[in-house]
Amino acid sequence: DNPKPVVIALEEFIVHGLKYAFPPDRGTLTRGMLTSSAASPLAEISPHPDNMPPVWPHPKGRHEGYAFSPLYRSAPEAAMVDPYLYELLTLVDTIRDERSRERNLAVAQLRPRLKRALEDTPTE
């Protein structure tokens, strides 16, 4: 009656399939919101190696970088309202990106968050 996500399957898809199902479009220099490893929480662990960080193009963005398409077009708006969602989306974007070191860091940060989300999901 109350379906729950299969977190192991979701994690498997995010880690191994997301970058193929939802590859990011990279564009030119633009203003927007930091994403991928240039944003929190990974920016605190391992500074982004490029001079030009990936950003979701957005008119209210405060950072300059190369355009990196969000997972969904309304993601930047939702992320502005919910900082925890913003962290999750930037971790997912790091996995969608092509740098293996940062991807491994993102997976390590995402796993406990997924587990916690399952524990917080009401059963009724």
PDB file of N, CA and C in Angstrom:
ATOM      1  N   ASP A   1       0.811  -1.203   0.000  1.00  0.00           N
ATOM      2  CA  ASP A   1       0.000   0.000   0.000  1.00  0.00           C
ATOM      3  C   ASP A   1       0.851   1.262   0.000  1.00  0.00           C
ATOM      4  N   ASN A   2       2.029   1.177   0.621  1.00  0.00           N
ATOM      5  CA  ASN A   2       2.903   2.341   0.688  1.00  0.00           C
ATOM      6  C   ASN A   2       4.272   1.948   0.133  1.00  0.00           C
ATOM      7  N   PRO A   3       4.454   2.118  -1.169  1.00  0.00           N
ATOM      8  CA  PRO A   3       5.731   1.679  -1.758  1.00  0.00           C
ATOM      9  C   PRO A   3       6.908   2.504  -1.253  1.00  0.00           C
ATOM     10  N   LYS A   4       8.037   1.830  -1.119  1.00  0.00           N
ATOM     11  CA  LYS A   4       9.281   2.480  -0.722  1.00  0.00           C
ATOM     12  C   LYS A   4      10.286   2.310  -1.851  1.00  0.00           C
ATOM     13  N   PRO A   5      11.155   3.271  -2.026  1.00  0.00           N
ATOM     14  CA  PRO A   5      12.175   3.098  -3.060  1.00  0.00           C
ATOM     15  C   PRO A   5      13.149   1.985  -2.671  1.00  0.00           C
ATOM     16  N   VAL A   6      13.649   1.307  -3.667  1.00  0.00           N
ATOM     17  CA  VAL A   6      14.681   0.300  -3.441  1.00  0.00           C
ATOM     18  C   VAL A   6      16.011   1.046  -3.533  1.00  0.00           C
ATOM     19  N   VAL A   7      16.528   1.436  -2.377  1.00  0.00           N
ATOM     20  CA  VAL A   7      17.690   2.314  -2.321  1.00  0.00           C
ATOM     21  C   VAL A   7      18.905   1.678  -2.997  1.00  0.00           C
ATOM     22  N   ILE A   8      19.090   0.389  -2.841  1.00  0.00           N
ATOM     23  CA  ILE A   8      20.239  -0.280  -3.472  1.00  0.00           C
ATOM     24  C   ILE A   8      20.153  -0.152  -4.993  1.00  0.00           C
ATOM     25  N   ALA A   9      18.950  -0.326  -5.554  1.00  0.00           N
ATOM     26  CA  ALA A   9      18.778  -0.199  -7.002  1.00  0.00           C
ATOM     27  C   ALA A   9      18.961   1.251  -7.450  1.00  0.00           C
ATOM     28  N   LEU A  10      18.438   2.181  -6.661  1.00  0.00           N
ATOM     29  CA  LEU A  10      18.603   3.599  -6.980  1.00  0.00           C
ATOM     30  C   LEU A  10      20.081   3.978  -6.966  1.00  0.00           C
ATOM     31  N   GLU A  11      20.776   3.546  -5.931  1.00  0.00           N
ATOM     32  CA  GLU A  11      22.207   3.831  -5.842  1.00  0.00           C
ATOM     33  C   GLU A  11      22.964   3.232  -7.034  1.00  0.00           C
ATOM     34  N   GLU A  12      22.632   2.002  -7.389  1.00  0.00           N
ATOM     35  CA  GLU A  12      23.283   1.341  -8.528  1.00  0.00           C
ATOM     36  C   GLU A  12      23.071   2.139  -9.811  1.00  0.00           C
ATOM     37  N   PHE A  13      21.834   2.618 -10.021  1.00  0.00           N
ATOM     38  CA  PHE A  13      21.550   3.408 -11.207  1.00  0.00           C
ATOM     39  C   PHE A  13      22.298   4.736 -11.191  1.00  0.00           C
ATOM     40  N   ILE A  14      22.273   5.425 -10.052  1.00  0.00           N
ATOM     41  CA  ILE A  14      22.954   6.722  -9.967  1.00  0.00           C
ATOM     42  C   ILE A  14      24.445   6.564 -10.227  1.00  0.00           C
ATOM     43  N   VAL A  15      25.055   5.567  -9.608  1.00  0.00           N
ATOM     44  CA  VAL A  15      26.505   5.389  -9.715  1.00  0.00           C
ATOM     45  C   VAL A  15      26.923   4.903 -11.106  1.00  0.00           C
ATOM     46  N   HIS A  16      26.156   3.979 -11.685  1.00  0.00           N
ATOM     47  CA  HIS A  16      26.615   3.340 -12.925  1.00  0.00           C
ATOM     48  C   HIS A  16      25.823   3.687 -14.181  1.00  0.00           C
ATOM     49  N   GLY A  17      24.612   4.203 -14.049  1.00  0.00           N
ATOM     50  CA  GLY A  17      23.812   4.437 -15.236  1.00  0.00           C
ATOM     51  C   GLY A  17      23.434   5.868 -15.528  1.00  0.00           C
ATOM     52  N   LEU A  18      23.436   6.707 -14.504  1.00  0.00           N
ATOM     53  CA  LEU A  18      22.948   8.066 -14.667  1.00  0.00           C
ATOM     54  C   LEU A  18      23.719   8.854 -15.723  1.00  0.00           C
ATOM     55  N   LYS A  19      25.030   8.706 -15.734  1.00  0.00           N
ATOM     56  CA  LYS A  19      25.827   9.494 -16.684  1.00  0.00           C
ATOM     57  C   LYS A  19      25.545   9.106 -18.133  1.00  0.00           C
ATOM     58  N   TYR A  20      25.015   7.881 -18.346  1.00  0.00           N
ATOM     59  CA  TYR A  20      24.656   7.457 -19.703  1.00  0.00           C
ATOM     60  C   TYR A  20      23.221   7.838 -20.043  1.00  0.00           C
ATOM     61  N   ALA A  21      22.330   7.756 -19.065  1.00  0.00           N
ATOM     62  CA  ALA A  21      20.930   8.093 -19.300  1.00  0.00           C
ATOM     63  C   ALA A  21      20.709   9.608 -19.350  1.00  0.00           C
ATOM     64  N   PHE A  22      21.490  10.354 -18.558  1.00  0.00           N
ATOM     65  CA  PHE A  22      21.344  11.811 -18.479  1.00  0.00           C
ATOM     66  C   PHE A  22      22.703  12.493 -18.582  1.00  0.00           C
ATOM     67  N   PRO A  23      23.374  12.352 -19.732  1.00  0.00           N
ATOM     68  CA  PRO A  23      24.687  13.000 -19.853  1.00  0.00           C
ATOM     69  C   PRO A  23      24.521  14.520 -19.837  1.00  0.00           C
ATOM     70  N   PRO A  24      25.442  15.209 -19.200  1.00  0.00           N
ATOM     71  CA  PRO A  24      25.312  16.670 -19.148  1.00  0.00           C
ATOM     72  C   PRO A  24      25.718  17.307 -20.471  1.00  0.00           C
ATOM     73  N   ASP A  25      25.036  18.386 -20.802  1.00  0.00           N
ATOM     74  CA  ASP A  25      25.474  19.223 -21.920  1.00  0.00           C
ATOM     75  C   ASP A  25      26.401  20.259 -21.324  1.00  0.00           C
ATOM     76  N   ARG A  26      27.556  20.416 -21.931  1.00  0.00           N
ATOM     77  CA  ARG A  26      28.505  21.437 -21.479  1.00  0.00           C
ATOM     78  C   ARG A  26      28.505  22.555 -22.502  1.00  0.00           C
ATOM     79  N   GLY A  27      28.518  23.762 -21.986  1.00  0.00           N
ATOM     80  CA  GLY A  27      28.431  24.893 -22.896  1.00  0.00           C
ATOM     81  C   GLY A  27      29.533  25.904 -22.685  1.00  0.00           C
ATOM     82  N   THR A  28      29.239  27.088 -23.109  1.00  0.00           N
ATOM     83  CA  THR A  28      30.205  28.175 -23.058  1.00  0.00           C
ATOM     84  C   THR A  28      30.171  28.874 -21.703  1.00  0.00           C
ATOM     85  N   LEU A  29      30.993  29.872 -21.577  1.00  0.00           N
ATOM     86  CA  LEU A  29      31.072  30.667 -20.357  1.00  0.00           C
ATOM     87  C   LEU A  29      29.725  31.332 -20.087  1.00  0.00           C
ATOM     88  N   THR A  30      29.277  31.232 -18.831  1.00  0.00           N
ATOM     89  CA  THR A  30      27.987  31.801 -18.459  1.00  0.00           C
ATOM     90  C   THR A  30      27.964  32.106 -16.970  1.00  0.00           C
ATOM     91  N   ARG A  31      26.922  32.744 -16.532  1.00  0.00           N
ATOM     92  CA  ARG A  31      26.704  33.031 -15.116  1.00  0.00           C
ATOM     93  C   ARG A  31      25.659  32.044 -14.625  1.00  0.00           C
ATOM     94  N   GLY A  32      25.879  31.544 -13.385  1.00  0.00           N
ATOM     95  CA  GLY A  32      24.909  30.600 -12.851  1.00  0.00           C
ATOM     96  C   GLY A  32      25.261  30.139 -11.452  1.00  0.00           C
ATOM     97  N   MET A  33      24.713  28.979 -11.090  1.00  0.00           N
ATOM     98  CA  MET A  33      24.922  28.378  -9.766  1.00  0.00           C
ATOM     99  C   MET A  33      25.977  27.283  -9.879  1.00  0.00           C
ATOM    100  N   LEU A  34      26.901  27.273  -8.931  1.00  0.00           N
ATOM    101  CA  LEU A  34      27.926  26.238  -8.928  1.00  0.00           C
ATOM    102  C   LEU A  34      27.280  24.863  -8.828  1.00  0.00           C
ATOM    103  N   THR A  35      27.890  23.890  -9.495  1.00  0.00           N
ATOM    104  CA  THR A  35      27.431  22.515  -9.399  1.00  0.00           C
ATOM    105  C   THR A  35      28.616  21.569  -9.466  1.00  0.00           C
ATOM    106  N   SER A  36      28.325  20.301  -9.431  1.00  0.00           N
ATOM    107  CA  SER A  36      29.330  19.241  -9.456  1.00  0.00           C
ATOM    108  C   SER A  36      30.314  19.439  -8.303  1.00  0.00           C
ATOM    109  N   SER A  37      31.566  19.139  -8.539  1.00  0.00           N
ATOM    110  CA  SER A  37      32.544  19.209  -7.449  1.00  0.00           C
ATOM    111  C   SER A  37      32.943  20.637  -7.084  1.00  0.00           C
ATOM    112  N   ALA A  38      32.437  21.634  -7.812  1.00  0.00           N
ATOM    113  CA  ALA A  38      32.718  23.030  -7.477  1.00  0.00           C
ATOM    114  C   ALA A  38      31.785  23.555  -6.388  1.00  0.00           C
ATOM    115  N   ALA A  39      30.756  22.771  -6.039  1.00  0.00           N
ATOM    116  CA  ALA A  39      29.775  23.189  -5.040  1.00  0.00           C
ATOM    117  C   ALA A  39      29.898  22.332  -3.784  1.00  0.00           C
ATOM    118  N   SER A  40      29.221  22.774  -2.741  1.00  0.00           N
ATOM    119  CA  SER A  40      29.193  22.030  -1.495  1.00  0.00           C
ATOM    120  C   SER A  40      28.414  20.726  -1.707  1.00  0.00           C
ATOM    121  N   PRO A  41      28.811  19.651  -1.117  1.00  0.00           N
ATOM    122  CA  PRO A  41      29.801  19.471  -0.067  1.00  0.00           C
ATOM    123  C   PRO A  41      31.203  19.152  -0.575  1.00  0.00           C
ATOM    124  N   LEU A  42      31.354  18.865  -1.864  1.00  0.00           N
ATOM    125  CA  LEU A  42      32.670  18.445  -2.351  1.00  0.00           C
ATOM    126  C   LEU A  42      33.684  19.567  -2.432  1.00  0.00           C
ATOM    127  N   ALA A  43      33.236  20.798  -2.592  1.00  0.00           N
ATOM    128  CA  ALA A  43      34.172  21.917  -2.687  1.00  0.00           C
ATOM    129  C   ALA A  43      35.001  22.055  -1.413  1.00  0.00           C
ATOM    130  N   GLU A  44      34.410  21.674  -0.275  1.00  0.00           N
ATOM    131  CA  GLU A  44      35.131  21.752   0.990  1.00  0.00           C
ATOM    132  C   GLU A  44      36.146  20.608   1.136  1.00  0.00           C
ATOM    133  N   ILE A  45      35.864  19.487   0.514  1.00  0.00           N
ATOM    134  CA  ILE A  45      36.735  18.308   0.620  1.00  0.00           C
ATOM    135  C   ILE A  45      37.880  18.371  -0.382  1.00  0.00           C
ATOM    136  N   SER A  46      37.539  18.713  -1.611  1.00  0.00           N
ATOM    137  CA  SER A  46      38.518  18.722  -2.692  1.00  0.00           C
ATOM    138  C   SER A  46      38.199  19.875  -3.630  1.00  0.00           C
ATOM    139  N   PRO A  47      38.952  20.950  -3.576  1.00  0.00           N
ATOM    140  CA  PRO A  47      38.672  22.098  -4.441  1.00  0.00           C
ATOM    141  C   PRO A  47      38.631  21.703  -5.914  1.00  0.00           C
ATOM    142  N   HIS A  48      37.728  22.330  -6.653  1.00  0.00           N
ATOM    143  CA  HIS A  48      37.575  22.035  -8.080  1.00  0.00           C
ATOM    144  C   HIS A  48      38.862  22.383  -8.813  1.00  0.00           C
ATOM    145  N   PRO A  49      39.365  21.469  -9.643  1.00  0.00           N
ATOM    146  CA  PRO A  49      40.661  21.677 -10.289  1.00  0.00           C
ATOM    147  C   PRO A  49      40.675  22.711 -11.410  1.00  0.00           C
ATOM    148  N   ASP A  50      39.540  23.020 -11.999  1.00  0.00           N
ATOM    149  CA  ASP A  50      39.517  23.943 -13.140  1.00  0.00           C
ATOM    150  C   ASP A  50      39.374  25.389 -12.691  1.00  0.00           C
ATOM    151  N   ASN A  51      39.912  26.279 -13.503  1.00  0.00           N
ATOM    152  CA  ASN A  51      39.715  27.704 -13.261  1.00  0.00           C
ATOM    153  C   ASN A  51      38.267  28.088 -13.502  1.00  0.00           C
ATOM    154  N   MET A  52      37.640  27.414 -14.454  1.00  0.00           N
ATOM    155  CA  MET A  52      36.252  27.690 -14.790  1.00  0.00           C
ATOM    156  C   MET A  52      35.400  26.541 -14.264  1.00  0.00           C
ATOM    157  N   PRO A  53      34.664  26.757 -13.192  1.00  0.00           N
ATOM    158  CA  PRO A  53      33.857  25.691 -12.611  1.00  0.00           C
ATOM    159  C   PRO A  53      32.592  25.437 -13.430  1.00  0.00           C
ATOM    160  N   PRO A  54      31.981  24.279 -13.263  1.00  0.00           N
ATOM    161  CA  PRO A  54      30.697  24.037 -13.907  1.00  0.00           C
ATOM    162  C   PRO A  54      29.590  24.784 -13.164  1.00  0.00           C
ATOM    163  N   VAL A  55      28.678  25.377 -13.909  1.00  0.00           N
ATOM    164  CA  VAL A  55      27.546  26.091 -13.318  1.00  0.00           C
ATOM    165  C   VAL A  55      26.269  25.734 -14.073  1.00  0.00           C
ATOM    166  N   TRP A  56      25.156  25.714 -13.333  1.00  0.00           N
ATOM    167  CA  TRP A  56      23.858  25.641 -13.988  1.00  0.00           C
ATOM    168  C   TRP A  56      23.541  27.046 -14.456  1.00  0.00           C
ATOM    169  N   PRO A  57      23.337  27.270 -15.721  1.00  0.00           N
ATOM    170  CA  PRO A  57      22.997  28.615 -16.190  1.00  0.00           C
ATOM    171  C   PRO A  57      21.732  29.117 -15.491  1.00  0.00           C
ATOM    172  N   HIS A  58      21.842  30.298 -14.913  1.00  0.00           N
ATOM    173  CA  HIS A  58      20.686  30.879 -14.212  1.00  0.00           C
ATOM    174  C   HIS A  58      20.898  32.381 -14.081  1.00  0.00           C
ATOM    175  N   PRO A  59      19.864  33.185 -14.377  1.00  0.00           N
ATOM    176  CA  PRO A  59      20.033  34.639 -14.326  1.00  0.00           C
ATOM    177  C   PRO A  59      20.363  35.180 -12.928  1.00  0.00           C
ATOM    178  N   LYS A  60      19.979  34.465 -11.872  1.00  0.00           N
ATOM    179  CA  LYS A  60      20.280  34.917 -10.517  1.00  0.00           C
ATOM    180  C   LYS A  60      21.575  34.315  -9.986  1.00  0.00           C
ATOM    181  N   GLY A  61      22.286  33.586 -10.836  1.00  0.00           N
ATOM    182  CA  GLY A  61      23.534  32.962 -10.416  1.00  0.00           C
ATOM    183  C   GLY A  61      24.602  33.988 -10.091  1.00  0.00           C
ATOM    184  N   ARG A  62      25.474  33.646  -9.138  1.00  0.00           N
ATOM    185  CA  ARG A  62      26.510  34.577  -8.707  1.00  0.00           C
ATOM    186  C   ARG A  62      27.901  34.164  -9.161  1.00  0.00           C
ATOM    187  N   HIS A  63      28.006  33.072  -9.914  1.00  0.00           N
ATOM    188  CA  HIS A  63      29.326  32.561 -10.298  1.00  0.00           C
ATOM    189  C   HIS A  63      29.441  32.463 -11.809  1.00  0.00           C
ATOM    190  N   GLU A  64      30.653  32.650 -12.282  1.00  0.00           N
ATOM    191  CA  GLU A  64      30.934  32.496 -13.690  1.00  0.00           C
ATOM    192  C   GLU A  64      31.627  31.170 -13.905  1.00  0.00           C
ATOM    193  N   GLY A  65      31.229  30.467 -14.939  1.00  0.00           N
ATOM    194  CA  GLY A  65      31.833  29.185 -15.262  1.00  0.00           C
ATOM    195  C   GLY A  65      31.277  28.663 -16.563  1.00  0.00           C
ATOM    196  N   TYR A  66      31.595  27.404 -16.862  1.00  0.00           N
ATOM    197  CA  TYR A  66      31.064  26.835 -18.092  1.00  0.00           C
ATOM    198  C   TYR A  66      29.706  26.191 -17.798  1.00  0.00           C
ATOM    199  N   ALA A  67      28.809  26.334 -18.750  1.00  0.00           N
ATOM    200  CA  ALA A  67      27.452  25.820 -18.593  1.00  0.00           C
ATOM    201  C   ALA A  67      27.469  24.302 -18.462  1.00  0.00           C
ATOM    202  N   PHE A  68      26.744  23.805 -17.478  1.00  0.00           N
ATOM    203  CA  PHE A  68      26.605  22.373 -17.210  1.00  0.00           C
ATOM    204  C   PHE A  68      25.114  22.155 -16.992  1.00  0.00           C
ATOM    205  N   SER A  69      24.487  21.418 -17.893  1.00  0.00           N
ATOM    206  CA  SER A  69      23.026  21.284 -17.816  1.00  0.00           C
ATOM    207  C   SER A  69      22.595  20.556 -16.554  1.00  0.00           C
ATOM    208  N   PRO A  70      21.581  21.091 -15.875  1.00  0.00           N
ATOM    209  CA  PRO A  70      21.073  20.407 -14.683  1.00  0.00           C
ATOM    210  C   PRO A  70      20.340  19.128 -15.081  1.00  0.00           C
ATOM    211  N   LEU A  71      20.158  18.255 -14.113  1.00  0.00           N
ATOM    212  CA  LEU A  71      19.450  17.002 -14.338  1.00  0.00           C
ATOM    213  C   LEU A  71      18.040  17.270 -14.871  1.00  0.00           C
ATOM    214  N   TYR A  72      17.436  18.326 -14.372  1.00  0.00           N
ATOM    215  CA  TYR A  72      16.113  18.742 -14.829  1.00  0.00           C
ATOM    216  C   TYR A  72      16.098  20.263 -14.856  1.00  0.00           C
ATOM    217  N   ARG A  73      15.408  20.850 -15.792  1.00  0.00           N
ATOM    218  CA  ARG A  73      15.507  22.305 -15.994  1.00  0.00           C
ATOM    219  C   ARG A  73      15.090  23.137 -14.785  1.00  0.00           C
ATOM    220  N   SER A  74      14.211  22.616 -13.936  1.00  0.00           N
ATOM    221  CA  SER A  74      13.796  23.381 -12.755  1.00  0.00           C
ATOM    222  C   SER A  74      14.681  23.114 -11.541  1.00  0.00           C
ATOM    223  N   ALA A  75      15.709  22.310 -11.691  1.00  0.00           N
ATOM    224  CA  ALA A  75      16.597  21.984 -10.565  1.00  0.00           C
ATOM    225  C   ALA A  75      17.211  23.220  -9.915  1.00  0.00           C
ATOM    226  N   PRO A  76      17.710  24.200 -10.667  1.00  0.00           N
ATOM    227  CA  PRO A  76      18.280  25.378  -9.997  1.00  0.00           C
ATOM    228  C   PRO A  76      17.270  26.110  -9.113  1.00  0.00           C
ATOM    229  N   GLU A  77      16.031  26.256  -9.583  1.00  0.00           N
ATOM    230  CA  GLU A  77      15.003  26.938  -8.785  1.00  0.00           C
ATOM    231  C   GLU A  77      14.718  26.151  -7.506  1.00  0.00           C
ATOM    232  N   ALA A  78      14.591  24.846  -7.628  1.00  0.00           N
ATOM    233  CA  ALA A  78      14.320  24.012  -6.451  1.00  0.00           C
ATOM    234  C   ALA A  78      15.499  24.054  -5.485  1.00  0.00           C
ATOM    235  N   ALA A  79      16.711  24.054  -6.017  1.00  0.00           N
ATOM    236  CA  ALA A  79      17.910  24.074  -5.181  1.00  0.00           C
ATOM    237  C   ALA A  79      18.046  25.387  -4.414  1.00  0.00           C
ATOM    238  N   MET A  80      17.560  26.484  -4.979  1.00  0.00           N
ATOM    239  CA  MET A  80      17.612  27.767  -4.272  1.00  0.00           C
ATOM    240  C   MET A  80      16.737  27.753  -3.021  1.00  0.00           C
ATOM    241  N   VAL A  81      15.688  26.951  -3.037  1.00  0.00           N
ATOM    242  CA  VAL A  81      14.746  26.887  -1.930  1.00  0.00           C
ATOM    243  C   VAL A  81      15.165  25.848  -0.890  1.00  0.00           C
ATOM    244  N   ASP A  82      15.846  24.790  -1.337  1.00  0.00           N
ATOM    245  CA  ASP A  82      16.161  23.664  -0.454  1.00  0.00           C
ATOM    246  C   ASP A  82      17.664  23.339  -0.515  1.00  0.00           C
ATOM    247  N   PRO A  83      18.435  23.801   0.474  1.00  0.00           N
ATOM    248  CA  PRO A  83      19.883  23.571   0.469  1.00  0.00           C
ATOM    249  C   PRO A  83      20.275  22.087   0.476  1.00  0.00           C
ATOM    250  N   TYR A  84      19.486  21.242   1.147  1.00  0.00           N
ATOM    251  CA  TYR A  84      19.806  19.808   1.173  1.00  0.00           C
ATOM    252  C   TYR A  84      19.622  19.201  -0.224  1.00  0.00           C
ATOM    253  N   LEU A  85      18.557  19.579  -0.907  1.00  0.00           N
ATOM    254  CA  LEU A  85      18.344  19.125  -2.280  1.00  0.00           C
ATOM    255  C   LEU A  85      19.492  19.604  -3.168  1.00  0.00           C
ATOM    256  N   TYR A  86      19.937  20.840  -2.964  1.00  0.00           N
ATOM    257  CA  TYR A  86      21.065  21.388  -3.731  1.00  0.00           C
ATOM    258  C   TYR A  86      22.297  20.504  -3.563  1.00  0.00           C
ATOM    259  N   GLU A  87      22.596  20.105  -2.329  1.00  0.00           N
ATOM    260  CA  GLU A  87      23.745  19.218  -2.100  1.00  0.00           C
ATOM    261  C   GLU A  87      23.576  17.893  -2.842  1.00  0.00           C
ATOM    262  N   LEU A  88      22.387  17.315  -2.754  1.00  0.00           N
ATOM    263  CA  LEU A  88      22.147  16.037  -3.440  1.00  0.00           C
ATOM    264  C   LEU A  88      22.324  16.176  -4.951  1.00  0.00           C
ATOM    265  N   LEU A  89      21.779  17.248  -5.502  1.00  0.00           N
ATOM    266  CA  LEU A  89      21.886  17.451  -6.948  1.00  0.00           C
ATOM    267  C   LEU A  89      23.328  17.702  -7.390  1.00  0.00           C
ATOM    268  N   THR A  90      24.110  18.411  -6.577  1.00  0.00           N
ATOM    269  CA  THR A  90      25.509  18.633  -6.959  1.00  0.00           C
ATOM    270  C   THR A  90      26.309  17.335  -6.873  1.00  0.00           C
ATOM    271  N   LEU A  91      25.975  16.476  -5.908  1.00  0.00           N
ATOM    272  CA  LEU A  91      26.635  15.165  -5.842  1.00  0.00           C
ATOM    273  C   LEU A  91      26.275  14.330  -7.063  1.00  0.00           C
ATOM    274  N   VAL A  92      25.018  14.363  -7.447  1.00  0.00           N
ATOM    275  CA  VAL A  92      24.593  13.630  -8.641  1.00  0.00           C
ATOM    276  C   VAL A  92      25.282  14.191  -9.880  1.00  0.00           C
ATOM    277  N   ASP A  93      25.413  15.509  -9.971  1.00  0.00           N
ATOM    278  CA  ASP A  93      26.108  16.107 -11.110  1.00  0.00           C
ATOM    279  C   ASP A  93      27.581  15.700 -11.142  1.00  0.00           C
ATOM    280  N   THR A  94      28.196  15.541  -9.996  1.00  0.00           N
ATOM    281  CA  THR A  94      29.583  15.088  -9.959  1.00  0.00           C
ATOM    282  C   THR A  94      29.685  13.679 -10.523  1.00  0.00           C
ATOM    283  N   ILE A  95      28.704  12.858 -10.229  1.00  0.00           N
ATOM    284  CA  ILE A  95      28.688  11.503 -10.779  1.00  0.00           C
ATOM    285  C   ILE A  95      28.427  11.546 -12.280  1.00  0.00           C
ATOM    286  N   ARG A  96      27.623  12.477 -12.747  1.00  0.00           N
ATOM    287  CA  ARG A  96      27.372  12.632 -14.186  1.00  0.00           C
ATOM    288  C   ARG A  96      28.604  13.167 -14.919  1.00  0.00           C
ATOM    289  N   ASP A  97      29.474  13.865 -14.195  1.00  0.00           N
ATOM    290  CA  ASP A  97      30.695  14.412 -14.785  1.00  0.00           C
ATOM    291  C   ASP A  97      31.667  13.273 -15.070  1.00  0.00           C
ATOM    292  N   GLU A  98      32.819  13.556 -15.622  1.00  0.00           N
ATOM    293  CA  GLU A  98      33.715  12.492 -16.070  1.00  0.00           C
ATOM    294  C   GLU A  98      34.989  12.315 -15.261  1.00  0.00           C
ATOM    295  N   ARG A  99      35.121  12.964 -14.137  1.00  0.00           N
ATOM    296  CA  ARG A  99      36.339  12.840 -13.343  1.00  0.00           C
ATOM    297  C   ARG A  99      36.164  11.739 -12.306  1.00  0.00           C
ATOM    298  N   SER A 100      36.966  10.683 -12.408  1.00  0.00           N
ATOM    299  CA  SER A 100      36.760   9.514 -11.548  1.00  0.00           C
ATOM    300  C   SER A 100      37.061   9.802 -10.082  1.00  0.00           C
ATOM    301  N   ARG A 101      38.079  10.605  -9.780  1.00  0.00           N
ATOM    302  CA  ARG A 101      38.414  10.889  -8.386  1.00  0.00           C
ATOM    303  C   ARG A 101      37.259  11.603  -7.695  1.00  0.00           C
ATOM    304  N   GLU A 102      36.740  12.639  -8.332  1.00  0.00           N
ATOM    305  CA  GLU A 102      35.635  13.380  -7.756  1.00  0.00           C
ATOM    306  C   GLU A 102      34.373  12.522  -7.712  1.00  0.00           C
ATOM    307  N   ARG A 103      34.169  11.695  -8.733  1.00  0.00           N
ATOM    308  CA  ARG A 103      33.006  10.814  -8.745  1.00  0.00           C
ATOM    309  C   ARG A 103      33.032   9.884  -7.534  1.00  0.00           C
ATOM    310  N   ASN A 104      34.193   9.313  -7.236  1.00  0.00           N
ATOM    311  CA  ASN A 104      34.306   8.428  -6.076  1.00  0.00           C
ATOM    312  C   ASN A 104      34.007   9.164  -4.775  1.00  0.00           C
ATOM    313  N   LEU A 105      34.466  10.407  -4.658  1.00  0.00           N
ATOM    314  CA  LEU A 105      34.145  11.209  -3.475  1.00  0.00           C
ATOM    315  C   LEU A 105      32.645  11.466  -3.377  1.00  0.00           C
ATOM    316  N   ALA A 106      32.016  11.743  -4.518  1.00  0.00           N
ATOM    317  CA  ALA A 106      30.575  12.012  -4.530  1.00  0.00           C
ATOM    318  C   ALA A 106      29.782  10.769  -4.124  1.00  0.00           C
ATOM    319  N   VAL A 107      30.188   9.614  -4.618  1.00  0.00           N
ATOM    320  CA  VAL A 107      29.499   8.370  -4.258  1.00  0.00           C
ATOM    321  C   VAL A 107      29.613   8.134  -2.756  1.00  0.00           C
ATOM    322  N   ALA A 108      30.789   8.359  -2.206  1.00  0.00           N
ATOM    323  CA  ALA A 108      30.990   8.178  -0.760  1.00  0.00           C
ATOM    324  C   ALA A 108      30.127   9.145   0.049  1.00  0.00           C
ATOM    325  N   GLN A 109      29.889  10.343  -0.463  1.00  0.00           N
ATOM    326  CA  GLN A 109      29.036  11.321   0.225  1.00  0.00           C
ATOM    327  C   GLN A 109      27.550  11.008   0.033  1.00  0.00           C
ATOM    328  N   LEU A 110      27.206  10.426  -1.114  1.00  0.00           N
ATOM    329  CA  LEU A 110      25.805  10.179  -1.437  1.00  0.00           C
ATOM    330  C   LEU A 110      25.242   8.950  -0.724  1.00  0.00           C
ATOM    331  N   ARG A 111      26.036   7.908  -0.578  1.00  0.00           N
ATOM    332  CA  ARG A 111      25.545   6.653   0.015  1.00  0.00           C
ATOM    333  C   ARG A 111      24.868   6.847   1.374  1.00  0.00           C
ATOM    334  N   PRO A 112      25.511   7.502   2.339  1.00  0.00           N
ATOM    335  CA  PRO A 112      24.827   7.667   3.630  1.00  0.00           C
ATOM    336  C   PRO A 112      23.580   8.546   3.535  1.00  0.00           C
ATOM    337  N   ARG A 113      23.563   9.489   2.607  1.00  0.00           N
ATOM    338  CA  ARG A 113      22.384  10.335   2.440  1.00  0.00           C
ATOM    339  C   ARG A 113      21.202   9.518   1.915  1.00  0.00           C
ATOM    340  N   LEU A 114      21.467   8.608   0.978  1.00  0.00           N
ATOM    341  CA  LEU A 114      20.407   7.741   0.475  1.00  0.00           C
ATOM    342  C   LEU A 114      19.884   6.823   1.572  1.00  0.00           C
ATOM    343  N   LYS A 115      20.787   6.279   2.348  1.00  0.00           N
ATOM    344  CA  LYS A 115      20.392   5.395   3.445  1.00  0.00           C
ATOM    345  C   LYS A 115      19.531   6.155   4.448  1.00  0.00           C
ATOM    346  N   ARG A 116      19.941   7.370   4.785  1.00  0.00           N
ATOM    347  CA  ARG A 116      19.187   8.195   5.728  1.00  0.00           C
ATOM    348  C   ARG A 116      17.809   8.543   5.163  1.00  0.00           C
ATOM    349  N   ALA A 117      17.743   8.807   3.861  1.00  0.00           N
ATOM    350  CA  ALA A 117      16.462   9.125   3.235  1.00  0.00           C
ATOM    351  C   ALA A 117      15.502   7.948   3.346  1.00  0.00           C
ATOM    352  N   LEU A 118      16.003   6.734   3.189  1.00  0.00           N
ATOM    353  CA  LEU A 118      15.160   5.565   3.316  1.00  0.00           C
ATOM    354  C   LEU A 118      14.670   5.414   4.755  1.00  0.00           C
ATOM    355  N   GLU A 119      15.545   5.646   5.701  1.00  0.00           N
ATOM    356  CA  GLU A 119      15.170   5.533   7.118  1.00  0.00           C
ATOM    357  C   GLU A 119      14.140   6.581   7.513  1.00  0.00           C
ATOM    358  N   ASP A 120      14.213   7.759   6.858  1.00  0.00           N
ATOM    359  CA  ASP A 120      13.277   8.838   7.170  1.00  0.00           C
ATOM    360  C   ASP A 120      11.950   8.722   6.438  1.00  0.00           C
ATOM    361  N   THR A 121      11.849   7.789   5.474  1.00  0.00           N
ATOM    362  CA  THR A 121      10.613   7.623   4.714  1.00  0.00           C
ATOM    363  C   THR A 121       9.562   6.971   5.600  1.00  0.00           C
ATOM    364  N   PRO A 122       8.423   7.614   5.751  1.00  0.00           N
ATOM    365  CA  PRO A 122       7.373   7.035   6.600  1.00  0.00           C
ATOM    366  C   PRO A 122       6.858   5.721   6.020  1.00  0.00           C
ATOM    367  N   THR A 123       6.509   4.794   6.896  1.00  0.00           N
ATOM    368  CA  THR A 123       6.015   3.489   6.443  1.00  0.00           C
ATOM    369  C   THR A 123       4.515   3.495   6.266  1.00  0.00           C
ATOM    370  N   GLU A 124       3.809   4.480   6.776  1.00  0.00           N
ATOM    371  CA  GLU A 124       2.358   4.547   6.601  1.00  0.00           C
ATOM    372  C   GLU A 124       1.903   5.938   6.268  1.00  0.00           C
TER     373      GLU A 124
END
